[in-house]
Amino acid sequence: MRFTGRLRWFLPSWCAAACLTLMILPLTACSSLSLTDAAPASAQSAVRATTQPDGYPNLNIPLPAATSQITESEREQLIEELARSRQRQQNGVDRAEAAAQAEALRRLSRSHAGERLRAIEATQEQ
C-alpha cells in the first residue's frame, strides 16, 4: 500500500515520536543549571572582582595568569632548541644517514614481526 507524502506524517511511528517529544520537553525545562551550580566559587569571585559597579568589566585590572609562566632559562632553552631544529631543516637530511636509519627500522620491524609470530603460535599451541 502506498502512502502519499501528506499521509506519511500520520504513521504510528511519527505519532509516537511526537508524543514522546511533547512528554520529555517539560522535564528538560526543569533541569537547567545556574551559574552558581556550574562554576566553582573561585571563578565566580574572579568575575565579580573584575566588574565595575555599573556591571561592565574593568579592563584596567590585569588578569592573573591561569598557570605558572615559563622562566627565563626555560625560554632560552626553547629558543635554542627551535634554532637547532630550524638549522637542521635548512641543511637538509644526509642521504646516507637517512638510508641507515631506514635500514635499522626495517631490521627492527622484521625482528618484532618474528617475535610476534612466535608469541601468536605459542598461544595457539596451548
PDB file of N, CA and C in Angstrom:
ATOM      1  N   MET A   1       0.834  -1.160   0.000  1.00  0.00           N
ATOM      2  CA  MET A   1       0.000   0.000   0.000  1.00  0.00           C
ATOM      3  C   MET A   1       0.893   1.242   0.000  1.00  0.00           C
ATOM      4  N   ARG A   2       0.659   2.168  -0.895  1.00  0.00           N
ATOM      5  CA  ARG A   2       1.467   3.383  -0.995  1.00  0.00           C
ATOM      6  C   ARG A   2       0.782   4.529  -0.268  1.00  0.00           C
ATOM      7  N   PHE A   3       1.589   5.282   0.443  1.00  0.00           N
ATOM      8  CA  PHE A   3       1.087   6.465   1.121  1.00  0.00           C
ATOM      9  C   PHE A   3       1.553   7.693   0.362  1.00  0.00           C
ATOM     10  N   THR A   4       0.733   8.656   0.266  1.00  0.00           N
ATOM     11  CA  THR A   4       1.165   9.912  -0.332  1.00  0.00           C
ATOM     12  C   THR A   4       1.973  10.689   0.695  1.00  0.00           C
ATOM     13  N   GLY A   5       2.650  11.722   0.249  1.00  0.00           N
ATOM     14  CA  GLY A   5       3.512  12.497   1.137  1.00  0.00           C
ATOM     15  C   GLY A   5       2.780  13.100   2.308  1.00  0.00           C
ATOM     16  N   ARG A   6       1.524  13.480   2.135  1.00  0.00           N
ATOM     17  CA  ARG A   6       0.782  14.122   3.217  1.00  0.00           C
ATOM     18  C   ARG A   6       0.359  13.137   4.292  1.00  0.00           C
ATOM     19  N   LEU A   7       0.154  11.901   3.928  1.00  0.00           N
ATOM     20  CA  LEU A   7      -0.300  10.915   4.900  1.00  0.00           C
ATOM     21  C   LEU A   7       0.842  10.308   5.707  1.00  0.00           C
ATOM     22  N   ARG A   8       2.074  10.455   5.248  1.00  0.00           N
ATOM     23  CA  ARG A   8       3.203   9.848   5.971  1.00  0.00           C
ATOM     24  C   ARG A   8       3.368  10.425   7.365  1.00  0.00           C
ATOM     25  N   TRP A   9       2.949  11.635   7.586  1.00  0.00           N
ATOM     26  CA  TRP A   9       3.098  12.245   8.896  1.00  0.00           C
ATOM     27  C   TRP A   9       2.196  11.584   9.936  1.00  0.00           C
ATOM     28  N   PHE A  10       1.189  10.895   9.489  1.00  0.00           N
ATOM     29  CA  PHE A  10       0.260  10.293  10.434  1.00  0.00           C
ATOM     30  C   PHE A  10       0.549   8.820  10.693  1.00  0.00           C
ATOM     31  N   LEU A  11       1.702   8.336  10.269  1.00  0.00           N
ATOM     32  CA  LEU A  11       2.071   6.959  10.554  1.00  0.00           C
ATOM     33  C   LEU A  11       2.270   6.794  12.061  1.00  0.00           C
ATOM     34  N   PRO A  12       2.080   5.615  12.596  1.00  0.00           N
ATOM     35  CA  PRO A  12       2.199   5.412  14.049  1.00  0.00           C
ATOM     36  C   PRO A  12       3.567   5.787  14.618  1.00  0.00           C
ATOM     37  N   SER A  13       4.632   5.528  13.875  1.00  0.00           N
ATOM     38  CA  SER A  13       5.963   5.850  14.411  1.00  0.00           C
ATOM     39  C   SER A  13       6.137   7.355  14.571  1.00  0.00           C
ATOM     40  N   TRP A  14       5.615   8.132  13.615  1.00  0.00           N
ATOM     41  CA  TRP A  14       5.708   9.584  13.730  1.00  0.00           C
ATOM     42  C   TRP A  14       4.858  10.086  14.887  1.00  0.00           C
ATOM     43  N   CYS A  15       3.719   9.517  15.046  1.00  0.00           N
ATOM     44  CA  CYS A  15       2.845   9.932  16.156  1.00  0.00           C
ATOM     45  C   CYS A  15       3.485   9.607  17.503  1.00  0.00           C
ATOM     46  N   ALA A  16       4.104   8.439  17.601  1.00  0.00           N
ATOM     47  CA  ALA A  16       4.757   8.059  18.851  1.00  0.00           C
ATOM     48  C   ALA A  16       5.932   8.990  19.141  1.00  0.00           C
ATOM     49  N   ALA A  17       6.709   9.325  18.123  1.00  0.00           N
ATOM     50  CA  ALA A  17       7.845  10.218  18.328  1.00  0.00           C
ATOM     51  C   ALA A  17       7.375  11.600  18.762  1.00  0.00           C
ATOM     52  N   ALA A  18       6.300  12.087  18.171  1.00  0.00           N
ATOM     53  CA  ALA A  18       5.771  13.402  18.552  1.00  0.00           C
ATOM     54  C   ALA A  18       5.279  13.387  19.991  1.00  0.00           C
ATOM     55  N   CYS A  19       4.599  12.321  20.391  1.00  0.00           N
ATOM     56  CA  CYS A  19       4.100  12.226  21.770  1.00  0.00           C
ATOM     57  C   CYS A  19       5.243  12.169  22.772  1.00  0.00           C
ATOM     58  N   LEU A  20       6.291  11.394  22.470  1.00  0.00           N
ATOM     59  CA  LEU A  20       7.436  11.311  23.371  1.00  0.00           C
ATOM     60  C   LEU A  20       8.130  12.657  23.497  1.00  0.00           C
ATOM     61  N   THR A  21       8.256  13.361  22.395  1.00  0.00           N
ATOM     62  CA  THR A  21       8.893  14.672  22.441  1.00  0.00           C
ATOM     63  C   THR A  21       8.092  15.625  23.318  1.00  0.00           C
ATOM     64  N   LEU A  22       6.795  15.614  23.169  1.00  0.00           N
ATOM     65  CA  LEU A  22       5.960  16.507  23.970  1.00  0.00           C
ATOM     66  C   LEU A  22       5.970  16.135  25.445  1.00  0.00           C
ATOM     67  N   MET A  23       6.164  14.854  25.751  1.00  0.00           N
ATOM     68  CA  MET A  23       6.218  14.439  27.151  1.00  0.00           C
ATOM     69  C   MET A  23       7.571  14.755  27.775  1.00  0.00           C
ATOM     70  N   ILE A  24       8.660  14.668  27.009  1.00  0.00           N
ATOM     71  CA  ILE A  24      10.003  14.886  27.552  1.00  0.00           C
ATOM     72  C   ILE A  24      10.331  16.367  27.653  1.00  0.00           C
ATOM     73  N   LEU A  25       9.777  17.189  26.791  1.00  0.00           N
ATOM     74  CA  LEU A  25      10.094  18.606  26.762  1.00  0.00           C
ATOM     75  C   LEU A  25       9.888  19.304  28.110  1.00  0.00           C
ATOM     76  N   PRO A  26       8.790  19.109  28.813  1.00  0.00           N
ATOM     77  CA  PRO A  26       8.639  19.776  30.122  1.00  0.00           C
ATOM     78  C   PRO A  26       9.658  19.285  31.151  1.00  0.00           C
ATOM     79  N   LEU A  27      10.088  18.054  31.040  1.00  0.00           N
ATOM     80  CA  LEU A  27      11.049  17.531  32.012  1.00  0.00           C
ATOM     81  C   LEU A  27      12.411  18.170  31.838  1.00  0.00           C
ATOM     82  N   THR A  28      12.803  18.462  30.615  1.00  0.00           N
ATOM     83  CA  THR A  28      14.114  19.059  30.396  1.00  0.00           C
ATOM     84  C   THR A  28      14.147  20.509  30.830  1.00  0.00           C
ATOM     85  N   ALA A  29      13.030  21.183  30.853  1.00  0.00           N
ATOM     86  CA  ALA A  29      12.995  22.586  31.267  1.00  0.00           C
ATOM     87  C   ALA A  29      13.307  22.718  32.749  1.00  0.00           C
ATOM     88  N   CYS A  30      13.052  21.702  33.544  1.00  0.00           N
ATOM     89  CA  CYS A  30      13.279  21.761  34.985  1.00  0.00           C
ATOM     90  C   CYS A  30      14.721  21.453  35.358  1.00  0.00           C
ATOM     91  N   SER A  31      15.517  20.967  34.431  1.00  0.00           N
ATOM     92  CA  SER A  31      16.859  20.512  34.798  1.00  0.00           C
ATOM     93  C   SER A  31      17.944  21.475  34.371  1.00  0.00           C
ATOM     94  N   SER A  32      17.658  22.739  34.210  1.00  0.00           N
ATOM     95  CA  SER A  32      18.691  23.686  33.806  1.00  0.00           C
ATOM     96  C   SER A  32      19.572  24.023  35.000  1.00  0.00           C
ATOM     97  N   LEU A  33      20.840  24.310  34.721  1.00  0.00           N
ATOM     98  CA  LEU A  33      21.792  24.659  35.763  1.00  0.00           C
ATOM     99  C   LEU A  33      22.008  26.161  35.771  1.00  0.00           C
ATOM    100  N   SER A  34      22.175  26.710  36.933  1.00  0.00           N
ATOM    101  CA  SER A  34      22.507  28.126  37.027  1.00  0.00           C
ATOM    102  C   SER A  34      24.026  28.255  37.090  1.00  0.00           C
ATOM    103  N   LEU A  35      24.515  29.482  37.017  1.00  0.00           N
ATOM    104  CA  LEU A  35      25.947  29.719  37.069  1.00  0.00           C
ATOM    105  C   LEU A  35      26.524  29.276  38.411  1.00  0.00           C
ATOM    106  N   THR A  36      25.776  29.444  39.471  1.00  0.00           N
ATOM    107  CA  THR A  36      26.285  29.061  40.788  1.00  0.00           C
ATOM    108  C   THR A  36      26.437  27.549  40.914  1.00  0.00           C
ATOM    109  N   ASP A  37      25.626  26.781  40.183  1.00  0.00           N
ATOM    110  CA  ASP A  37      25.759  25.326  40.220  1.00  0.00           C
ATOM    111  C   ASP A  37      26.896  24.845  39.324  1.00  0.00           C
ATOM    112  N   ALA A  38      27.108  25.498  38.195  1.00  0.00           N
ATOM    113  CA  ALA A  38      28.062  25.015  37.198  1.00  0.00           C
ATOM    114  C   ALA A  38      29.484  25.466  37.453  1.00  0.00           C
ATOM    115  N   ALA A  39      29.697  26.649  37.983  1.00  0.00           N
ATOM    116  CA  ALA A  39      31.044  27.189  38.135  1.00  0.00           C
ATOM    117  C   ALA A  39      31.481  27.117  39.598  1.00  0.00           C
ATOM    118  N   PRO A  40      32.767  26.899  39.837  1.00  0.00           N
ATOM    119  CA  PRO A  40      33.252  26.905  41.221  1.00  0.00           C
ATOM    120  C   PRO A  40      33.213  28.322  41.791  1.00  0.00           C
ATOM    121  N   ALA A  41      33.249  28.410  43.099  1.00  0.00           N
ATOM    122  CA  ALA A  41      33.132  29.709  43.772  1.00  0.00           C
ATOM    123  C   ALA A  41      34.304  30.619  43.433  1.00  0.00           C
ATOM    124  N   SER A  42      35.511  30.063  43.236  1.00  0.00           N
ATOM    125  CA  SER A  42      36.669  30.905  42.928  1.00  0.00           C
ATOM    126  C   SER A  42      36.500  31.600  41.586  1.00  0.00           C
ATOM    127  N   ALA A  43      35.915  30.922  40.614  1.00  0.00           N
ATOM    128  CA  ALA A  43      35.695  31.539  39.306  1.00  0.00           C
ATOM    129  C   ALA A  43      34.641  32.623  39.395  1.00  0.00           C
ATOM    130  N   GLN A  44      33.649  32.424  40.236  1.00  0.00           N
ATOM    131  CA  GLN A  44      32.599  33.433  40.380  1.00  0.00           C
ATOM    132  C   GLN A  44      33.135  34.682  41.058  1.00  0.00           C
ATOM    133  N   SER A  45      34.003  34.510  42.060  1.00  0.00           N
ATOM    134  CA  SER A  45      34.549  35.678  42.741  1.00  0.00           C
ATOM    135  C   SER A  45      35.480  36.446  41.824  1.00  0.00           C
ATOM    136  N   ALA A  46      36.184  35.759  40.931  1.00  0.00           N
ATOM    137  CA  ALA A  46      37.061  36.449  39.987  1.00  0.00           C
ATOM    138  C   ALA A  46      36.253  37.273  39.013  1.00  0.00           C
ATOM    139  N   VAL A  47      35.094  36.784  38.639  1.00  0.00           N
ATOM    140  CA  VAL A  47      34.241  37.530  37.731  1.00  0.00           C
ATOM    141  C   VAL A  47      33.710  38.771  38.427  1.00  0.00           C
ATOM    142  N   ARG A  48      33.303  38.631  39.657  1.00  0.00           N
ATOM    143  CA  ARG A  48      32.769  39.767  40.393  1.00  0.00           C
ATOM    144  C   ARG A  48      33.846  40.811  40.666  1.00  0.00           C
ATOM    145  N   ALA A  49      35.078  40.387  40.887  1.00  0.00           N
ATOM    146  CA  ALA A  49      36.149  41.310  41.244  1.00  0.00           C
ATOM    147  C   ALA A  49      36.554  42.180  40.065  1.00  0.00           C
ATOM    148  N   THR A  50      36.348  41.733  38.840  1.00  0.00           N
ATOM    149  CA  THR A  50      36.802  42.494  37.691  1.00  0.00           C
ATOM    150  C   THR A  50      35.697  43.321  37.057  1.00  0.00           C
ATOM    151  N   THR A  51      34.565  43.465  37.733  1.00  0.00           N
ATOM    152  CA  THR A  51      33.492  44.291  37.185  1.00  0.00           C
ATOM    153  C   THR A  51      33.381  45.586  37.974  1.00  0.00           C
ATOM    154  N   GLN A  52      32.936  46.605  37.290  1.00  0.00           N
ATOM    155  CA  GLN A  52      32.715  47.894  37.919  1.00  0.00           C
ATOM    156  C   GLN A  52      31.323  47.907  38.546  1.00  0.00           C
ATOM    157  N   PRO A  53      31.010  48.917  39.352  1.00  0.00           N
ATOM    158  CA  PRO A  53      29.684  48.958  39.986  1.00  0.00           C
ATOM    159  C   PRO A  53      28.532  48.978  38.981  1.00  0.00           C
ATOM    160  N   ASP A  54      28.768  49.498  37.789  1.00  0.00           N
ATOM    161  CA  ASP A  54      27.692  49.528  36.808  1.00  0.00           C
ATOM    162  C   ASP A  54      27.535  48.205  36.068  1.00  0.00           C
ATOM    163  N   GLY A  55      28.395  47.204  36.363  1.00  0.00           N
ATOM    164  CA  GLY A  55      28.259  45.879  35.777  1.00  0.00           C
ATOM    165  C   GLY A  55      29.182  45.622  34.600  1.00  0.00           C
ATOM    166  N   TYR A  56      29.805  46.658  34.070  1.00  0.00           N
ATOM    167  CA  TYR A  56      30.723  46.469  32.952  1.00  0.00           C
ATOM    168  C   TYR A  56      32.081  45.985  33.463  1.00  0.00           C
ATOM    169  N   PRO A  57      32.818  45.222  32.663  1.00  0.00           N
ATOM    170  CA  PRO A  57      34.122  44.729  33.134  1.00  0.00           C
ATOM    171  C   PRO A  57      35.134  45.863  33.260  1.00  0.00           C
ATOM    172  N   ASN A  58      35.961  45.774  34.267  1.00  0.00           N
ATOM    173  CA  ASN A  58      37.019  46.754  34.472  1.00  0.00           C
ATOM    174  C   ASN A  58      38.248  46.263  33.729  1.00  0.00           C
ATOM    175  N   LEU A  59      38.570  46.891  32.627  1.00  0.00           N
ATOM    176  CA  LEU A  59      39.680  46.459  31.786  1.00  0.00           C
ATOM    177  C   LEU A  59      41.016  46.990  32.264  1.00  0.00           C
ATOM    178  N   ASN A  60      41.040  47.800  33.310  1.00  0.00           N
ATOM    179  CA  ASN A  60      42.285  48.367  33.828  1.00  0.00           C
ATOM    180  C   ASN A  60      42.977  47.429  34.816  1.00  0.00           C
ATOM    181  N   ILE A  61      42.313  46.380  35.222  1.00  0.00           N
ATOM    182  CA  ILE A  61      42.897  45.428  36.163  1.00  0.00           C
ATOM    183  C   ILE A  61      43.532  44.297  35.366  1.00  0.00           C
ATOM    184  N   PRO A  62      44.843  44.040  35.552  1.00  0.00           N
ATOM    185  CA  PRO A  62      45.460  42.918  34.818  1.00  0.00           C
ATOM    186  C   PRO A  62      44.921  41.589  35.340  1.00  0.00           C
ATOM    187  N   LEU A  63      44.639  40.686  34.421  1.00  0.00           N
ATOM    188  CA  LEU A  63      44.118  39.376  34.802  1.00  0.00           C
ATOM    189  C   LEU A  63      45.244  38.502  35.341  1.00  0.00           C
ATOM    190  N   PRO A  64      44.978  37.693  36.362  1.00  0.00           N
ATOM    191  CA  PRO A  64      46.007  36.783  36.870  1.00  0.00           C
ATOM    192  C   PRO A  64      46.227  35.643  35.881  1.00  0.00           C
ATOM    193  N   ALA A  65      47.453  35.130  35.855  1.00  0.00           N
ATOM    194  CA  ALA A  65      47.790  34.031  34.952  1.00  0.00           C
ATOM    195  C   ALA A  65      47.078  32.764  35.401  1.00  0.00           C
ATOM    196  N   ALA A  66      46.622  31.976  34.439  1.00  0.00           N
ATOM    197  CA  ALA A  66      45.910  30.746  34.756  1.00  0.00           C
ATOM    198  C   ALA A  66      46.870  29.674  35.263  1.00  0.00           C
ATOM    199  N   THR A  67      48.092  29.658  34.765  1.00  0.00           N
ATOM    200  CA  THR A  67      49.102  28.692  35.197  1.00  0.00           C
ATOM    201  C   THR A  67      50.414  29.424  35.410  1.00  0.00           C
ATOM    202  N   SER A  68      51.393  28.703  35.910  1.00  0.00           N
ATOM    203  CA  SER A  68      52.705  29.326  36.100  1.00  0.00           C
ATOM    204  C   SER A  68      53.353  29.555  34.733  1.00  0.00           C
ATOM    205  N   GLN A  69      54.047  30.674  34.611  1.00  0.00           N
ATOM    206  CA  GLN A  69      54.678  31.036  33.346  1.00  0.00           C
ATOM    207  C   GLN A  69      56.064  30.416  33.264  1.00  0.00           C
ATOM    208  N   ILE A  70      56.599  30.315  32.043  1.00  0.00           N
ATOM    209  CA  ILE A  70      57.926  29.727  31.894  1.00  0.00           C
ATOM    210  C   ILE A  70      58.970  30.724  32.386  1.00  0.00           C
ATOM    211  N   THR A  71      60.061  30.179  32.907  1.00  0.00           N
ATOM    212  CA  THR A  71      61.131  31.034  33.419  1.00  0.00           C
ATOM    213  C   THR A  71      62.013  31.474  32.256  1.00  0.00           C
ATOM    214  N   GLU A  72      62.909  32.396  32.559  1.00  0.00           N
ATOM    215  CA  GLU A  72      63.807  32.913  31.521  1.00  0.00           C
ATOM    216  C   GLU A  72      64.743  31.819  31.010  1.00  0.00           C
ATOM    217  N   SER A  73      65.198  30.934  31.892  1.00  0.00           N
ATOM    218  CA  SER A  73      66.091  29.852  31.451  1.00  0.00           C
ATOM    219  C   SER A  73      65.332  28.865  30.561  1.00  0.00           C
ATOM    220  N   GLU A  74      64.074  28.558  30.908  1.00  0.00           N
ATOM    221  CA  GLU A  74      63.280  27.673  30.044  1.00  0.00           C
ATOM    222  C   GLU A  74      63.033  28.316  28.688  1.00  0.00           C
ATOM    223  N   ARG A  75      62.828  29.624  28.680  1.00  0.00           N
ATOM    224  CA  ARG A  75      62.614  30.352  27.432  1.00  0.00           C
ATOM    225  C   ARG A  75      63.856  30.266  26.549  1.00  0.00           C
ATOM    226  N   GLU A  76      65.020  30.492  27.140  1.00  0.00           N
ATOM    227  CA  GLU A  76      66.273  30.411  26.368  1.00  0.00           C
ATOM    228  C   GLU A  76      66.496  28.997  25.831  1.00  0.00           C
ATOM    229  N   GLN A  77      66.196  27.995  26.648  1.00  0.00           N
ATOM    230  CA  GLN A  77      66.363  26.603  26.224  1.00  0.00           C
ATOM    231  C   GLN A  77      65.444  26.290  25.043  1.00  0.00           C
ATOM    232  N   LEU A  78      64.211  26.752  25.082  1.00  0.00           N
ATOM    233  CA  LEU A  78      63.281  26.537  23.972  1.00  0.00           C
ATOM    234  C   LEU A  78      63.734  27.252  22.704  1.00  0.00           C
ATOM    235  N   ILE A  79      64.259  28.471  22.862  1.00  0.00           N
ATOM    236  CA  ILE A  79      64.752  29.211  21.704  1.00  0.00           C
ATOM    237  C   ILE A  79      65.925  28.487  21.061  1.00  0.00           C
ATOM    238  N   GLU A  80      66.847  27.974  21.878  1.00  0.00           N
ATOM    239  CA  GLU A  80      67.998  27.228  21.335  1.00  0.00           C
ATOM    240  C   GLU A  80      67.539  25.949  20.635  1.00  0.00           C
ATOM    241  N   GLU A  81      66.593  25.239  21.231  1.00  0.00           N
ATOM    242  CA  GLU A  81      66.090  24.004  20.624  1.00  0.00           C
ATOM    243  C   GLU A  81      65.417  24.288  19.280  1.00  0.00           C
ATOM    244  N   LEU A  82      64.633  25.344  19.213  1.00  0.00           N
ATOM    245  CA  LEU A  82      63.986  25.712  17.954  1.00  0.00           C
ATOM    246  C   LEU A  82      65.010  26.153  16.912  1.00  0.00           C
ATOM    247  N   ALA A  83      66.038  26.862  17.342  1.00  0.00           N
ATOM    248  CA  ALA A  83      67.080  27.280  16.392  1.00  0.00           C
ATOM    249  C   ALA A  83      67.816  26.062  15.834  1.00  0.00           C
ATOM    250  N   ARG A  84      68.097  25.066  16.682  1.00  0.00           N
ATOM    251  CA  ARG A  84      68.763  23.842  16.192  1.00  0.00           C
ATOM    252  C   ARG A  84      67.868  23.104  15.200  1.00  0.00           C
ATOM    253  N   SER A  85      66.569  23.022  15.504  1.00  0.00           N
ATOM    254  CA  SER A  85      65.639  22.350  14.591  1.00  0.00           C
ATOM    255  C   SER A  85      65.550  23.092  13.268  1.00  0.00           C
ATOM    256  N   ARG A  86      65.493  24.408  13.324  1.00  0.00           N
ATOM    257  CA  ARG A  86      65.436  25.206  12.101  1.00  0.00           C
ATOM    258  C   ARG A  86      66.696  24.998  11.264  1.00  0.00           C
ATOM    259  N   GLN A  87      67.852  24.985  11.924  1.00  0.00           N
ATOM    260  CA  GLN A  87      69.114  24.786  11.207  1.00  0.00           C
ATOM    261  C   GLN A  87      69.173  23.402  10.565  1.00  0.00           C
ATOM    262  N   ARG A  88      68.702  22.392  11.291  1.00  0.00           N
ATOM    263  CA  ARG A  88      68.685  21.034  10.739  1.00  0.00           C
ATOM    264  C   ARG A  88      67.803  20.954   9.505  1.00  0.00           C
ATOM    265  N   GLN A  89      66.658  21.609   9.546  1.00  0.00           N
ATOM    266  CA  GLN A  89      65.748  21.584   8.409  1.00  0.00           C
ATOM    267  C   GLN A  89      66.320  22.346   7.218  1.00  0.00           C
ATOM    268  N   GLN A  90      67.023  23.436   7.477  1.00  0.00           N
ATOM    269  CA  GLN A  90      67.598  24.202   6.382  1.00  0.00           C
ATOM    270  C   GLN A  90      68.760  23.468   5.740  1.00  0.00           C
ATOM    271  N   ASN A  91      69.508  22.708   6.535  1.00  0.00           N
ATOM    272  CA  ASN A  91      70.641  21.965   5.992  1.00  0.00           C
ATOM    273  C   ASN A  91      70.196  20.780   5.157  1.00  0.00           C
ATOM    274  N   GLY A  92      69.025  20.269   5.404  1.00  0.00           N
ATOM    275  CA  GLY A  92      68.559  19.091   4.691  1.00  0.00           C
ATOM    276  C   GLY A  92      69.007  17.828   5.394  1.00  0.00           C
ATOM    277  N   VAL A  93      68.535  16.718   4.889  1.00  0.00           N
ATOM    278  CA  VAL A  93      68.828  15.430   5.500  1.00  0.00           C
ATOM    279  C   VAL A  93      69.967  14.764   4.734  1.00  0.00           C
ATOM    280  N   ASP A  94      70.918  14.230   5.468  1.00  0.00           N
ATOM    281  CA  ASP A  94      72.007  13.486   4.839  1.00  0.00           C
ATOM    282  C   ASP A  94      71.439  12.172   4.316  1.00  0.00           C
ATOM    283  N   ARG A  95      71.614  11.915   3.040  1.00  0.00           N
ATOM    284  CA  ARG A  95      71.015  10.717   2.426  1.00  0.00           C
ATOM    285  C   ARG A  95      71.558   9.425   3.030  1.00  0.00           C
ATOM    286  N   ALA A  96      72.841   9.377   3.321  1.00  0.00           N
ATOM    287  CA  ALA A  96      73.422   8.160   3.897  1.00  0.00           C
ATOM    288  C   ALA A  96      72.849   7.903   5.286  1.00  0.00           C
ATOM    289  N   GLU A  97      72.704   8.983   6.064  1.00  0.00           N
ATOM    290  CA  GLU A  97      72.150   8.824   7.411  1.00  0.00           C
ATOM    291  C   GLU A  97      70.689   8.388   7.344  1.00  0.00           C
ATOM    292  N   ALA A  98      69.922   8.955   6.417  1.00  0.00           N
ATOM    293  CA  ALA A  98      68.518   8.579   6.271  1.00  0.00           C
ATOM    294  C   ALA A  98      68.382   7.134   5.831  1.00  0.00           C
ATOM    295  N   ALA A  99      69.246   6.686   4.911  1.00  0.00           N
ATOM    296  CA  ALA A  99      69.204   5.294   4.457  1.00  0.00           C
ATOM    297  C   ALA A  99      69.576   4.342   5.597  1.00  0.00           C
ATOM    298  N   ALA A 100      70.549   4.736   6.415  1.00  0.00           N
ATOM    299  CA  ALA A 100      70.953   3.899   7.547  1.00  0.00           C
ATOM    300  C   ALA A 100      69.815   3.784   8.566  1.00  0.00           C
ATOM    301  N   GLN A 101      69.126   4.902   8.822  1.00  0.00           N
ATOM    302  CA  GLN A 101      68.002   4.863   9.756  1.00  0.00           C
ATOM    303  C   GLN A 101      66.862   4.003   9.211  1.00  0.00           C
ATOM    304  N   ALA A 102      66.603   4.102   7.911  1.00  0.00           N
ATOM    305  CA  ALA A 102      65.537   3.303   7.308  1.00  0.00           C
ATOM    306  C   ALA A 102      65.868   1.822   7.395  1.00  0.00           C
ATOM    307  N   GLU A 103      67.105   1.467   7.132  1.00  0.00           N
ATOM    308  CA  GLU A 103      67.500   0.058   7.211  1.00  0.00           C
ATOM    309  C   GLU A 103      67.418  -0.448   8.646  1.00  0.00           C
ATOM    310  N   ALA A 104      67.810   0.365   9.607  1.00  0.00           N
ATOM    311  CA  ALA A 104      67.711  -0.037  11.014  1.00  0.00           C
ATOM    312  C   ALA A 104      66.249  -0.267  11.393  1.00  0.00           C
ATOM    313  N   LEU A 105      65.356   0.582  10.920  1.00  0.00           N
ATOM    314  CA  LEU A 105      63.932   0.400  11.216  1.00  0.00           C
ATOM    315  C   LEU A 105      63.381  -0.859  10.541  1.00  0.00           C
ATOM    316  N   ARG A 106      63.841  -1.165   9.328  1.00  0.00           N
ATOM    317  CA  ARG A 106      63.392  -2.399   8.667  1.00  0.00           C
ATOM    318  C   ARG A 106      63.840  -3.629   9.448  1.00  0.00           C
ATOM    319  N   ARG A 107      65.124  -3.623   9.897  1.00  0.00           N
ATOM    320  CA  ARG A 107      65.614  -4.756  10.690  1.00  0.00           C
ATOM    321  C   ARG A 107      64.809  -4.897  11.980  1.00  0.00           C
ATOM    322  N   LEU A 108      64.512  -3.784  12.611  1.00  0.00           N
ATOM    323  CA  LEU A 108      63.730  -3.802  13.839  1.00  0.00           C
ATOM    324  C   LEU A 108      62.335  -4.357  13.591  1.00  0.00           C
ATOM    325  N   SER A 109      61.707  -3.958  12.486  1.00  0.00           N
ATOM    326  CA  SER A 109      60.362  -4.459  12.189  1.00  0.00           C
ATOM    327  C   SER A 109      60.384  -5.957  11.903  1.00  0.00           C
ATOM    328  N   ARG A 110      61.419  -6.436  11.221  1.00  0.00           N
ATOM    329  CA  ARG A 110      61.499  -7.887  10.966  1.00  0.00           C
ATOM    330  C   ARG A 110      61.662  -8.659  12.258  1.00  0.00           C
ATOM    331  N   SER A 111      62.502  -8.157  13.167  1.00  0.00           N
ATOM    332  CA  SER A 111      62.698  -8.878  14.424  1.00  0.00           C
ATOM    333  C   SER A 111      61.426  -8.854  15.266  1.00  0.00           C
ATOM    334  N   HIS A 112      60.748  -7.715  15.288  1.00  0.00           N
ATOM    335  CA  HIS A 112      59.500  -7.642  16.045  1.00  0.00           C
ATOM    336  C   HIS A 112      58.422  -8.523  15.428  1.00  0.00           C
ATOM    337  N   ALA A 113      58.391  -8.576  14.101  1.00  0.00           N
ATOM    338  CA  ALA A 113      57.400  -9.421  13.441  1.00  0.00           C
ATOM    339  C   ALA A 113      57.651 -10.886  13.782  1.00  0.00           C
ATOM    340  N   GLY A 114      58.919 -11.295  13.774  1.00  0.00           N
ATOM    341  CA  GLY A 114      59.244 -12.671  14.126  1.00  0.00           C
ATOM    342  C   GLY A 114      58.872 -12.993  15.560  1.00  0.00           C
ATOM    343  N   GLU A 115      59.170 -12.082  16.472  1.00  0.00           N
ATOM    344  CA  GLU A 115      58.816 -12.295  17.876  1.00  0.00           C
ATOM    345  C   GLU A 115      57.296 -12.388  18.053  1.00  0.00           C
ATOM    346  N   ARG A 116      56.578 -11.527  17.373  1.00  0.00           N
ATOM    347  CA  ARG A 116      55.124 -11.524  17.499  1.00  0.00           C
ATOM    348  C   ARG A 116      54.530 -12.811  16.941  1.00  0.00           C
ATOM    349  N   LEU A 117      55.053 -13.283  15.805  1.00  0.00           N
ATOM    350  CA  LEU A 117      54.558 -14.539  15.240  1.00  0.00           C
ATOM    351  C   LEU A 117      54.814 -15.710  16.185  1.00  0.00           C
ATOM    352  N   ARG A 118      56.000 -15.736  16.809  1.00  0.00           N
ATOM    353  CA  ARG A 118      56.297 -16.813  17.764  1.00  0.00           C
ATOM    354  C   ARG A 118      55.331 -16.749  18.952  1.00  0.00           C
ATOM    355  N   ALA A 119      55.026 -15.556  19.409  1.00  0.00           N
ATOM    356  CA  ALA A 119      54.088 -15.426  20.534  1.00  0.00           C
ATOM    357  C   ALA A 119      52.702 -15.886  20.140  1.00  0.00           C
ATOM    358  N   ILE A 120      52.262 -15.548  18.937  1.00  0.00           N
ATOM    359  CA  ILE A 120      50.939 -15.982  18.475  1.00  0.00           C
ATOM    360  C   ILE A 120      50.894 -17.491  18.319  1.00  0.00           C
ATOM    361  N   GLU A 121      51.939 -18.075  17.738  1.00  0.00           N
ATOM    362  CA  GLU A 121      51.967 -19.517  17.569  1.00  0.00           C
ATOM    363  C   GLU A 121      52.019 -20.237  18.906  1.00  0.00           C
ATOM    364  N   ALA A 122      52.698 -19.647  19.880  1.00  0.00           N
ATOM    365  CA  ALA A 122      52.776 -20.274  21.210  1.00  0.00           C
ATOM    366  C   ALA A 122      51.402 -20.292  21.876  1.00  0.00           C
ATOM    367  N   THR A 123      50.617 -19.252  21.689  1.00  0.00           N
ATOM    368  CA  THR A 123      49.301 -19.235  22.304  1.00  0.00           C
ATOM    369  C   THR A 123      48.331 -20.174  21.570  1.00  0.00           C
ATOM    370  N   GLN A 124      48.540 -20.372  20.280  1.00  0.00           N
ATOM    371  CA  GLN A 124      47.668 -21.276  19.533  1.00  0.00           C
ATOM    372  C   GLN A 124      47.950 -22.733  19.855  1.00  0.00           C
ATOM    373  N   GLU A 125      49.189 -23.074  20.223  1.00  0.00           N
ATOM    374  CA  GLU A 125      49.546 -24.449  20.546  1.00  0.00           C
ATOM    375  C   GLU A 125      48.988 -24.853  21.907  1.00  0.00           C
ATOM    376  N   GLN A 126      48.719 -23.903  22.757  1.00  0.00           N
ATOM    377  CA  GLN A 126      48.244 -24.240  24.108  1.00  0.00           C
ATOM    378  C   GLN A 126      46.826 -24.635  24.130  1.00  0.00           C
TER     379      GLN A 126
END
